[in-house]
Amino acid sequence: MFHAEMDPTPETPQEQRNLNLVHDSELHHPFSAGLRKGCSINLPEKLRPPPLRADHYTTFLHSRPPSLETFAIENILKLAHLAPSLNLHIVHLSASSAIPILREARLAGVNITAETCFHYLTLQAEEIRDGATLFKCCPPIREAYNQDLLWKALFDKDIGTVVSDHSPCTPDLKRLAQGDFIGAWGGIATIGLGLSILWTEGKARGVKLEDLTRWMAMGTAKQVGLYGRKGVIKVGADADLCIWSPEESFTVRIRKYLLLIEGDS
C-alpha cells in the first residue's frame, strides 16, 4: 500500500509491484498536499482561479472525485487474473460510478463484492455547511443524485452490505475552530446510530426489515466466512441479538466532547 504522494519503489520489478500494490483512494491525494503548501500557477493573474478555501466543503469533495475510486477498482481488476480464486472486496464505496464496473467484472467471472456505509446513504454533500468538519470522511459524502444510485445498487444487489466504517476521534483532531476540512481527521462515528438512521432514511425508499437483516447481518457474516455462526438465529449460533423498536423515535443531540446523546422520544 502506497501513500498517493510516495514513489512506489521504481527499482522493484513491475511484476513484483503488481502483486503487492494496493491503490487506496482514501489516502491523501496530492491535491491536499498542494493546498497545504500553497500552489503556484503559471498563468496571468487575470486568468488565475480564485484561491481554494480549506473551510469549503466543496474544496475537500472535489479533491477526492469519484474517479479516484473507479481508478482504484479498475487497477484491482487488472490484477484479478493473477489469483482468479481470490475473493475481492471493495470497502466503503461512495462513488456510484463504480457500480457498472463491478457489474461487468462479475459477469466476466471475477469474484468481487462491495459495501457502502450509513453516512453515504443518509447524508448529502449539498447539506454540509462550510466549516462543518464533523462530516469529513474518506471517501467523502457525495451529492444527492449519487446517493440515490447507491440505494438502487443495494436493491439491485450490486452492493451487498452496509457497514459503519466507524472512525471516532478527539474533538481537537476535527479542527472545528478552524473549520479546516483538509487538515481535519477524516472519519465519522456512526456505529451507535447506524441501524436507526438507515431505517429512518430507508423507510421512505421502501426498505423492509428483511433488507436490513440481509445488508447488516447475513451479508456481513457471509462476507467474512462466519455465516451459520453469525448472521442467523438458530440453535448453536452465537446469540448476537438486537432488541429494537422500529416505530419509536428519538432526537440526537450533540453534547460536550461531541458525544451523541439520544434525547427523549
C-alpha atoms as a PDB file:
ATOM      1  CA  MET A   1       0.000   0.000   0.000  1.00  0.00           C
ATOM      2  CA  PHE A   2       1.457   3.323  -1.034  1.00  0.00           C
ATOM      3  CA  HIS A   3       0.662   6.856   0.024  1.00  0.00           C
ATOM      4  CA  ALA A   4      -0.511   8.784  -3.031  1.00  0.00           C
ATOM      5  CA  GLU A   5       2.462  11.169  -2.734  1.00  0.00           C
ATOM      6  CA  MET A   6       5.055   8.404  -2.493  1.00  0.00           C
ATOM      7  CA  ASP A   7       7.107   6.955  -5.310  1.00  0.00           C
ATOM      8  CA  PRO A   8       6.169   3.242  -5.434  1.00  0.00           C
ATOM      9  CA  THR A   9       9.784   1.996  -5.330  1.00  0.00           C
ATOM     10  CA  PRO A  10      10.621   2.191  -9.038  1.00  0.00           C
ATOM     11  CA  GLU A  11      13.578  -0.133  -8.565  1.00  0.00           C
ATOM     12  CA  THR A  12      11.186  -3.000  -7.778  1.00  0.00           C
ATOM     13  CA  PRO A  13      10.383  -5.176 -10.826  1.00  0.00           C
ATOM     14  CA  GLN A  14       6.966  -4.366 -12.269  1.00  0.00           C
ATOM     15  CA  GLU A  15       5.543  -7.864 -11.844  1.00  0.00           C
ATOM     16  CA  GLN A  16       6.501  -7.897  -8.161  1.00  0.00           C
ATOM     17  CA  ARG A  17       4.991  -4.445  -7.619  1.00  0.00           C
ATOM     18  CA  ASN A  18       1.752  -5.658  -9.203  1.00  0.00           C
ATOM     19  CA  LEU A  19       1.471  -8.399  -6.609  1.00  0.00           C
ATOM     20  CA  ASN A  20       1.979  -6.035  -3.706  1.00  0.00           C
ATOM     21  CA  LEU A  21       0.417  -2.751  -4.776  1.00  0.00           C
ATOM     22  CA  VAL A  22      -2.965  -1.804  -3.381  1.00  0.00           C
ATOM     23  CA  HIS A  23      -4.215   1.560  -4.529  1.00  0.00           C
ATOM     24  CA  ASP A  24      -6.090   3.211  -1.657  1.00  0.00           C
ATOM     25  CA  SER A  25      -8.176   6.159  -2.825  1.00  0.00           C
ATOM     26  CA  GLU A  26      -8.700   7.249   0.785  1.00  0.00           C
ATOM     27  CA  LEU A  27      -5.066   8.220   1.295  1.00  0.00           C
ATOM     28  CA  HIS A  28      -4.056  11.839   0.921  1.00  0.00           C
ATOM     29  CA  HIS A  29      -4.321  12.996  -2.646  1.00  0.00           C
ATOM     30  CA  PRO A  30      -1.523  15.266  -3.977  1.00  0.00           C
ATOM     31  CA  PHE A  31      -4.188  17.978  -4.194  1.00  0.00           C
ATOM     32  CA  SER A  32      -4.323  18.074  -0.388  1.00  0.00           C
ATOM     33  CA  ALA A  33      -0.582  18.498  -0.029  1.00  0.00           C
ATOM     34  CA  GLY A  34      -0.610  21.246  -2.614  1.00  0.00           C
ATOM     35  CA  LEU A  35      -3.356  23.067  -0.764  1.00  0.00           C
ATOM     36  CA  ARG A  36      -1.398  22.955   2.472  1.00  0.00           C
ATOM     37  CA  LYS A  37       1.873  24.056   0.863  1.00  0.00           C
ATOM     38  CA  GLY A  38       0.365  26.661  -1.442  1.00  0.00           C
ATOM     39  CA  CYS A  39       0.313  26.112  -5.185  1.00  0.00           C
ATOM     40  CA  SER A  40       1.905  28.352  -7.770  1.00  0.00           C
ATOM     41  CA  ILE A  41       0.107  28.580 -11.101  1.00  0.00           C
ATOM     42  CA  ASN A  42       1.921  29.787 -14.200  1.00  0.00           C
ATOM     43  CA  LEU A  43      -0.989  31.813 -15.542  1.00  0.00           C
ATOM     44  CA  PRO A  44      -1.537  35.536 -15.984  1.00  0.00           C
ATOM     45  CA  GLU A  45      -3.143  36.947 -12.870  1.00  0.00           C
ATOM     46  CA  LYS A  46      -6.401  37.713 -14.686  1.00  0.00           C
ATOM     47  CA  LEU A  47      -6.761  34.057 -15.655  1.00  0.00           C
ATOM     48  CA  ARG A  48      -5.958  32.558 -12.279  1.00  0.00           C
ATOM     49  CA  PRO A  49      -8.845  30.861 -10.467  1.00  0.00           C
ATOM     50  CA  PRO A  50      -9.823  32.119  -7.014  1.00  0.00           C
ATOM     51  CA  PRO A  51      -7.788  30.639  -4.158  1.00  0.00           C
ATOM     52  CA  LEU A  52      -9.074  27.393  -2.724  1.00  0.00           C
ATOM     53  CA  ARG A  53     -10.574  27.561   0.755  1.00  0.00           C
ATOM     54  CA  ALA A  54      -9.841  24.735   3.195  1.00  0.00           C
ATOM     55  CA  ASP A  55     -13.050  25.552   5.082  1.00  0.00           C
ATOM     56  CA  HIS A  56     -15.225  24.993   2.000  1.00  0.00           C
ATOM     57  CA  TYR A  57     -16.687  21.513   1.808  1.00  0.00           C
ATOM     58  CA  THR A  58     -16.595  21.609  -1.983  1.00  0.00           C
ATOM     59  CA  THR A  59     -12.806  22.034  -1.829  1.00  0.00           C
ATOM     60  CA  PHE A  60     -12.486  18.762   0.057  1.00  0.00           C
ATOM     61  CA  LEU A  61     -15.155  16.996  -2.009  1.00  0.00           C
ATOM     62  CA  HIS A  62     -13.517  17.901  -5.322  1.00  0.00           C
ATOM     63  CA  SER A  63     -10.106  16.838  -4.028  1.00  0.00           C
ATOM     64  CA  ARG A  64     -11.375  13.253  -3.951  1.00  0.00           C
ATOM     65  CA  PRO A  65     -13.513  12.798  -7.057  1.00  0.00           C
ATOM     66  CA  PRO A  66     -15.296   9.539  -7.918  1.00  0.00           C
ATOM     67  CA  SER A  67     -12.586   8.862 -10.496  1.00  0.00           C
ATOM     68  CA  LEU A  68     -10.154   8.027  -7.671  1.00  0.00           C
ATOM     69  CA  GLU A  69     -12.411   5.203  -6.538  1.00  0.00           C
ATOM     70  CA  THR A  70     -13.042   3.883 -10.028  1.00  0.00           C
ATOM     71  CA  PHE A  71      -9.315   4.107 -10.808  1.00  0.00           C
ATOM     72  CA  ALA A  72      -8.526   2.011  -7.732  1.00  0.00           C
ATOM     73  CA  ILE A  73     -11.139  -0.608  -8.607  1.00  0.00           C
ATOM     74  CA  GLU A  74     -10.012  -0.814 -12.232  1.00  0.00           C
ATOM     75  CA  ASN A  75      -6.422  -1.386 -11.090  1.00  0.00           C
ATOM     76  CA  ILE A  76      -7.519  -4.164  -8.757  1.00  0.00           C
ATOM     77  CA  LEU A  77      -9.469  -5.803 -11.570  1.00  0.00           C
ATOM     78  CA  LYS A  78      -6.453  -5.644 -13.879  1.00  0.00           C
ATOM     79  CA  LEU A  79      -4.622  -7.844 -11.376  1.00  0.00           C
ATOM     80  CA  ALA A  80      -7.528 -10.216 -10.687  1.00  0.00           C
ATOM     81  CA  HIS A  81      -6.299 -12.754 -13.237  1.00  0.00           C
ATOM     82  CA  LEU A  82      -3.176 -13.335 -11.115  1.00  0.00           C
ATOM     83  CA  ALA A  83      -5.325 -15.007  -8.436  1.00  0.00           C
ATOM     84  CA  PRO A  84      -8.661 -15.918 -10.034  1.00  0.00           C
ATOM     85  CA  SER A  85      -9.929 -17.797  -6.971  1.00  0.00           C
ATOM     86  CA  LEU A  86      -9.282 -14.853  -4.652  1.00  0.00           C
ATOM     87  CA  ASN A  87     -12.370 -13.085  -3.297  1.00  0.00           C
ATOM     88  CA  LEU A  88     -12.056  -9.342  -3.865  1.00  0.00           C
ATOM     89  CA  HIS A  89     -13.974  -6.834  -1.739  1.00  0.00           C
ATOM     90  CA  ILE A  90     -14.338  -3.071  -2.134  1.00  0.00           C
ATOM     91  CA  VAL A  91     -14.712  -1.350   1.227  1.00  0.00           C
ATOM     92  CA  HIS A  92     -16.885   1.701   1.993  1.00  0.00           C
ATOM     93  CA  LEU A  93     -17.770   2.511  -1.581  1.00  0.00           C
ATOM     94  CA  SER A  94     -19.112   6.040  -2.062  1.00  0.00           C
ATOM     95  CA  ALA A  95     -18.904   6.511  -5.853  1.00  0.00           C
ATOM     96  CA  SER A  96     -21.936   5.200  -7.737  1.00  0.00           C
ATOM     97  CA  SER A  97     -19.940   5.424 -10.970  1.00  0.00           C
ATOM     98  CA  ALA A  98     -18.126   2.263  -9.857  1.00  0.00           C
ATOM     99  CA  ILE A  99     -21.297   0.141  -9.986  1.00  0.00           C
ATOM    100  CA  PRO A 100     -21.197  -0.608 -13.751  1.00  0.00           C
ATOM    101  CA  ILE A 101     -17.524  -1.586 -13.413  1.00  0.00           C
ATOM    102  CA  LEU A 102     -18.332  -4.057 -10.634  1.00  0.00           C
ATOM    103  CA  ARG A 103     -21.299  -5.461 -12.538  1.00  0.00           C
ATOM    104  CA  GLU A 104     -19.240  -6.020 -15.682  1.00  0.00           C
ATOM    105  CA  ALA A 105     -16.456  -7.686 -13.696  1.00  0.00           C
ATOM    106  CA  ARG A 106     -18.892 -10.140 -12.116  1.00  0.00           C
ATOM    107  CA  LEU A 107     -20.346 -11.027 -15.497  1.00  0.00           C
ATOM    108  CA  ALA A 108     -16.770 -11.803 -16.560  1.00  0.00           C
ATOM    109  CA  GLY A 109     -16.446 -14.217 -13.644  1.00  0.00           C
ATOM    110  CA  VAL A 110     -14.472 -12.081 -11.166  1.00  0.00           C
ATOM    111  CA  ASN A 111     -15.275 -12.759  -7.512  1.00  0.00           C
ATOM    112  CA  ILE A 112     -15.770  -9.168  -6.361  1.00  0.00           C
ATOM    113  CA  THR A 113     -18.172  -7.714  -3.791  1.00  0.00           C
ATOM    114  CA  ALA A 114     -18.715  -4.244  -2.370  1.00  0.00           C
ATOM    115  CA  GLU A 115     -20.048  -2.484   0.691  1.00  0.00           C
ATOM    116  CA  THR A 116     -21.191   1.046   1.412  1.00  0.00           C
ATOM    117  CA  CYS A 117     -21.753   2.973   4.639  1.00  0.00           C
ATOM    118  CA  PHE A 118     -24.577   4.505   6.645  1.00  0.00           C
ATOM    119  CA  HIS A 119     -23.364   8.061   6.047  1.00  0.00           C
ATOM    120  CA  TYR A 120     -23.197   7.694   2.269  1.00  0.00           C
ATOM    121  CA  LEU A 121     -26.824   6.532   2.279  1.00  0.00           C
ATOM    122  CA  THR A 122     -28.203   9.195   4.630  1.00  0.00           C
ATOM    123  CA  LEU A 123     -26.099  12.385   4.337  1.00  0.00           C
ATOM    124  CA  GLN A 124     -25.707  14.614   1.278  1.00  0.00           C
ATOM    125  CA  ALA A 125     -22.946  16.981   0.186  1.00  0.00           C
ATOM    126  CA  GLU A 126     -25.477  19.712  -0.588  1.00  0.00           C
ATOM    127  CA  GLU A 127     -26.458  19.857   3.097  1.00  0.00           C
ATOM    128  CA  ILE A 128     -22.948  20.084   4.591  1.00  0.00           C
ATOM    129  CA  ARG A 129     -22.114  23.632   5.659  1.00  0.00           C
ATOM    130  CA  ASP A 130     -18.699  25.165   5.082  1.00  0.00           C
ATOM    131  CA  GLY A 131     -16.524  24.616   8.140  1.00  0.00           C
ATOM    132  CA  ALA A 132     -18.629  21.667   9.389  1.00  0.00           C
ATOM    133  CA  THR A 133     -15.706  19.264   9.655  1.00  0.00           C
ATOM    134  CA  LEU A 134     -17.770  16.816  11.716  1.00  0.00           C
ATOM    135  CA  PHE A 135     -18.881  15.493   8.339  1.00  0.00           C
ATOM    136  CA  LYS A 136     -15.443  14.894   6.869  1.00  0.00           C
ATOM    137  CA  CYS A 137     -14.792  11.278   5.967  1.00  0.00           C
ATOM    138  CA  CYS A 138     -12.877   9.463   3.254  1.00  0.00           C
ATOM    139  CA  PRO A 139     -14.132   8.839   0.651  1.00  0.00           C
ATOM    140  CA  PRO A 140     -16.297  11.947   1.067  1.00  0.00           C
ATOM    141  CA  ILE A 141     -20.045  12.226   1.399  1.00  0.00           C
ATOM    142  CA  ARG A 142     -21.229  12.893  -2.132  1.00  0.00           C
ATOM    143  CA  GLU A 143     -24.222  14.527  -3.813  1.00  0.00           C
ATOM    144  CA  ALA A 144     -27.896  13.534  -3.589  1.00  0.00           C
ATOM    145  CA  TYR A 145     -28.035  12.027  -7.079  1.00  0.00           C
ATOM    146  CA  ASN A 146     -25.088   9.780  -6.192  1.00  0.00           C
ATOM    147  CA  GLN A 147     -26.862   8.676  -3.010  1.00  0.00           C
ATOM    148  CA  ASP A 148     -29.953   7.673  -4.993  1.00  0.00           C
ATOM    149  CA  LEU A 149     -27.777   5.466  -7.198  1.00  0.00           C
ATOM    150  CA  LEU A 150     -26.165   3.816  -4.171  1.00  0.00           C
ATOM    151  CA  TRP A 151     -29.616   2.914  -2.849  1.00  0.00           C
ATOM    152  CA  LYS A 152     -30.544   1.496  -6.250  1.00  0.00           C
ATOM    153  CA  ALA A 153     -27.354  -0.573  -6.225  1.00  0.00           C
ATOM    154  CA  LEU A 154     -28.350  -2.001  -2.836  1.00  0.00           C
ATOM    155  CA  PHE A 155     -31.802  -3.009  -4.069  1.00  0.00           C
ATOM    156  CA  ASP A 156     -30.253  -4.448  -7.253  1.00  0.00           C
ATOM    157  CA  LYS A 157     -27.719  -6.389  -5.110  1.00  0.00           C
ATOM    158  CA  ASP A 158     -24.752  -4.737  -6.830  1.00  0.00           C
ATOM    159  CA  ILE A 159     -23.752  -3.639  -3.314  1.00  0.00           C
ATOM    160  CA  GLY A 160     -24.188  -6.419  -0.799  1.00  0.00           C
ATOM    161  CA  THR A 161     -23.611  -4.956   2.647  1.00  0.00           C
ATOM    162  CA  VAL A 162     -23.864  -1.764   4.705  1.00  0.00           C
ATOM    163  CA  VAL A 163     -21.235  -1.082   7.370  1.00  0.00           C
ATOM    164  CA  SER A 164     -20.231   1.764   9.667  1.00  0.00           C
ATOM    165  CA  ASP A 165     -16.562   2.447   8.851  1.00  0.00           C
ATOM    166  CA  HIS A 166     -16.664   3.725  12.440  1.00  0.00           C
ATOM    167  CA  SER A 167     -13.843   6.244  12.881  1.00  0.00           C
ATOM    168  CA  PRO A 168     -14.123   8.401  16.008  1.00  0.00           C
ATOM    169  CA  CYS A 169     -11.528  10.888  17.238  1.00  0.00           C
ATOM    170  CA  THR A 170     -10.957  13.522  19.905  1.00  0.00           C
ATOM    171  CA  PRO A 171     -12.545  16.948  19.185  1.00  0.00           C
ATOM    172  CA  ASP A 172      -9.238  18.700  18.533  1.00  0.00           C
ATOM    173  CA  LEU A 173      -8.482  16.377  15.607  1.00  0.00           C
ATOM    174  CA  LYS A 174     -11.638  17.564  13.846  1.00  0.00           C
ATOM    175  CA  ARG A 175     -10.242  21.137  13.756  1.00  0.00           C
ATOM    176  CA  LEU A 176     -13.673  22.566  14.451  1.00  0.00           C
ATOM    177  CA  ALA A 177     -12.401  26.010  15.416  1.00  0.00           C
ATOM    178  CA  GLN A 178     -10.591  26.390  12.105  1.00  0.00           C
ATOM    179  CA  GLY A 179     -13.232  24.611  10.025  1.00  0.00           C
ATOM    180  CA  ASP A 180     -10.330  23.050   8.140  1.00  0.00           C
ATOM    181  CA  PHE A 181     -11.612  20.164   6.013  1.00  0.00           C
ATOM    182  CA  ILE A 182      -8.156  19.428   4.623  1.00  0.00           C
ATOM    183  CA  GLY A 183      -6.387  19.132   7.979  1.00  0.00           C
ATOM    184  CA  ALA A 184      -9.245  17.581   9.964  1.00  0.00           C
ATOM    185  CA  TRP A 185      -9.459  13.923  10.912  1.00  0.00           C
ATOM    186  CA  GLY A 186     -11.364  12.005   8.244  1.00  0.00           C
ATOM    187  CA  GLY A 187     -13.947   9.813   9.861  1.00  0.00           C
ATOM    188  CA  ILE A 188     -17.485   9.644  11.227  1.00  0.00           C
ATOM    189  CA  ALA A 189     -18.573   7.808  14.373  1.00  0.00           C
ATOM    190  CA  THR A 190     -21.803   6.141  13.220  1.00  0.00           C
ATOM    191  CA  ILE A 191     -21.773   2.693  14.777  1.00  0.00           C
ATOM    192  CA  GLY A 192     -24.247   3.527  17.559  1.00  0.00           C
ATOM    193  CA  LEU A 193     -26.796   5.155  15.269  1.00  0.00           C
ATOM    194  CA  GLY A 194     -26.380   3.183  12.062  1.00  0.00           C
ATOM    195  CA  LEU A 195     -29.432   0.954  12.385  1.00  0.00           C
ATOM    196  CA  SER A 196     -31.738   3.846  13.267  1.00  0.00           C
ATOM    197  CA  ILE A 197     -30.554   6.274  10.591  1.00  0.00           C
ATOM    198  CA  LEU A 198     -30.585   3.582   7.899  1.00  0.00           C
ATOM    199  CA  TRP A 199     -34.149   2.619   8.844  1.00  0.00           C
ATOM    200  CA  THR A 200     -35.274   6.275   9.005  1.00  0.00           C
ATOM    201  CA  GLU A 201     -33.965   7.000   5.502  1.00  0.00           C
ATOM    202  CA  GLY A 202     -34.805   3.574   4.129  1.00  0.00           C
ATOM    203  CA  LYS A 203     -38.493   3.559   5.063  1.00  0.00           C
ATOM    204  CA  ALA A 204     -39.117   6.387   2.601  1.00  0.00           C
ATOM    205  CA  ARG A 205     -37.417   4.277  -0.080  1.00  0.00           C
ATOM    206  CA  GLY A 206     -39.380   1.106   0.537  1.00  0.00           C
ATOM    207  CA  VAL A 207     -36.838  -0.700   2.722  1.00  0.00           C
ATOM    208  CA  LYS A 208     -38.165  -3.641   4.736  1.00  0.00           C
ATOM    209  CA  LEU A 209     -36.753  -5.143   7.925  1.00  0.00           C
ATOM    210  CA  GLU A 210     -35.638  -8.163   5.919  1.00  0.00           C
ATOM    211  CA  ASP A 211     -33.463  -5.854   3.819  1.00  0.00           C
ATOM    212  CA  LEU A 212     -31.686  -4.532   6.911  1.00  0.00           C
ATOM    213  CA  THR A 213     -31.091  -8.094   8.080  1.00  0.00           C
ATOM    214  CA  ARG A 214     -29.571  -9.029   4.733  1.00  0.00           C
ATOM    215  CA  TRP A 215     -27.370  -5.925   4.458  1.00  0.00           C
ATOM    216  CA  MET A 216     -26.183  -5.703   8.079  1.00  0.00           C
ATOM    217  CA  ALA A 217     -26.182  -9.259   9.431  1.00  0.00           C
ATOM    218  CA  MET A 218     -26.484 -12.112   6.938  1.00  0.00           C
ATOM    219  CA  GLY A 219     -24.426 -10.409   4.257  1.00  0.00           C
ATOM    220  CA  THR A 220     -21.645  -9.237   6.527  1.00  0.00           C
ATOM    221  CA  ALA A 221     -21.382 -12.673   8.166  1.00  0.00           C
ATOM    222  CA  LYS A 222     -21.128 -14.359   4.770  1.00  0.00           C
ATOM    223  CA  GLN A 223     -18.543 -11.801   3.685  1.00  0.00           C
ATOM    224  CA  VAL A 224     -16.106 -12.862   6.389  1.00  0.00           C
ATOM    225  CA  GLY A 225     -16.954 -16.573   6.338  1.00  0.00           C
ATOM    226  CA  LEU A 226     -18.894 -16.658   9.604  1.00  0.00           C
ATOM    227  CA  TYR A 227     -22.408 -17.294   8.337  1.00  0.00           C
ATOM    228  CA  GLY A 228     -24.042 -20.060  10.331  1.00  0.00           C
ATOM    229  CA  ARG A 229     -22.315 -18.985  13.491  1.00  0.00           C
ATOM    230  CA  LYS A 230     -23.179 -15.307  12.929  1.00  0.00           C
ATOM    231  CA  GLY A 231     -25.920 -13.621  10.931  1.00  0.00           C
ATOM    232  CA  VAL A 232     -28.612 -16.192  11.670  1.00  0.00           C
ATOM    233  CA  ILE A 233     -30.903 -17.128  14.558  1.00  0.00           C
ATOM    234  CA  LYS A 234     -30.748 -20.865  15.181  1.00  0.00           C
ATOM    235  CA  VAL A 235     -29.704 -23.389  17.793  1.00  0.00           C
ATOM    236  CA  GLY A 236     -25.924 -23.399  18.134  1.00  0.00           C
ATOM    237  CA  ALA A 237     -25.343 -19.962  16.591  1.00  0.00           C
ATOM    238  CA  ASP A 238     -23.981 -17.069  18.606  1.00  0.00           C
ATOM    239  CA  ALA A 239     -26.759 -15.173  20.377  1.00  0.00           C
ATOM    240  CA  ASP A 240     -25.909 -11.786  18.872  1.00  0.00           C
ATOM    241  CA  LEU A 241     -29.429 -10.400  19.185  1.00  0.00           C
ATOM    242  CA  CYS A 242     -30.682  -6.858  18.748  1.00  0.00           C
ATOM    243  CA  ILE A 243     -33.862  -5.790  20.575  1.00  0.00           C
ATOM    244  CA  TRP A 244     -35.170  -2.806  18.663  1.00  0.00           C
ATOM    245  CA  SER A 245     -38.451  -0.967  18.203  1.00  0.00           C
ATOM    246  CA  PRO A 246     -38.699   0.308  14.620  1.00  0.00           C
ATOM    247  CA  GLU A 247     -41.716   2.513  15.396  1.00  0.00           C
ATOM    248  CA  GLU A 248     -40.204   4.504  18.267  1.00  0.00           C
ATOM    249  CA  SER A 249     -38.338   7.749  17.596  1.00  0.00           C
ATOM    250  CA  PHE A 250     -35.753   9.840  19.421  1.00  0.00           C
ATOM    251  CA  THR A 251     -33.762  13.025  18.916  1.00  0.00           C
ATOM    252  CA  VAL A 252     -29.983  13.037  18.600  1.00  0.00           C
ATOM    253  CA  ARG A 253     -28.343  15.947  20.375  1.00  0.00           C
ATOM    254  CA  ILE A 254     -24.695  16.996  20.403  1.00  0.00           C
ATOM    255  CA  ARG A 255     -23.221  17.374  23.866  1.00  0.00           C
ATOM    256  CA  LYS A 256     -19.800  18.260  25.231  1.00  0.00           C
ATOM    257  CA  TYR A 257     -16.878  16.464  23.560  1.00  0.00           C
ATOM    258  CA  LEU A 258     -19.073  15.662  20.545  1.00  0.00           C
ATOM    259  CA  LEU A 259     -20.843  12.799  22.237  1.00  0.00           C
ATOM    260  CA  LEU A 260     -24.091  11.886  20.509  1.00  0.00           C
ATOM    261  CA  ILE A 261     -26.851  11.694  23.106  1.00  0.00           C
ATOM    262  CA  GLU A 262     -30.230  10.183  22.410  1.00  0.00           C
ATOM    263  CA  GLY A 263     -32.930  12.558  23.595  1.00  0.00           C
ATOM    264  CA  ASP A 264     -36.467  11.891  24.684  1.00  0.00           C
ATOM    265  CA  SER A 265     -38.834  10.079  22.366  1.00  0.00           C
END
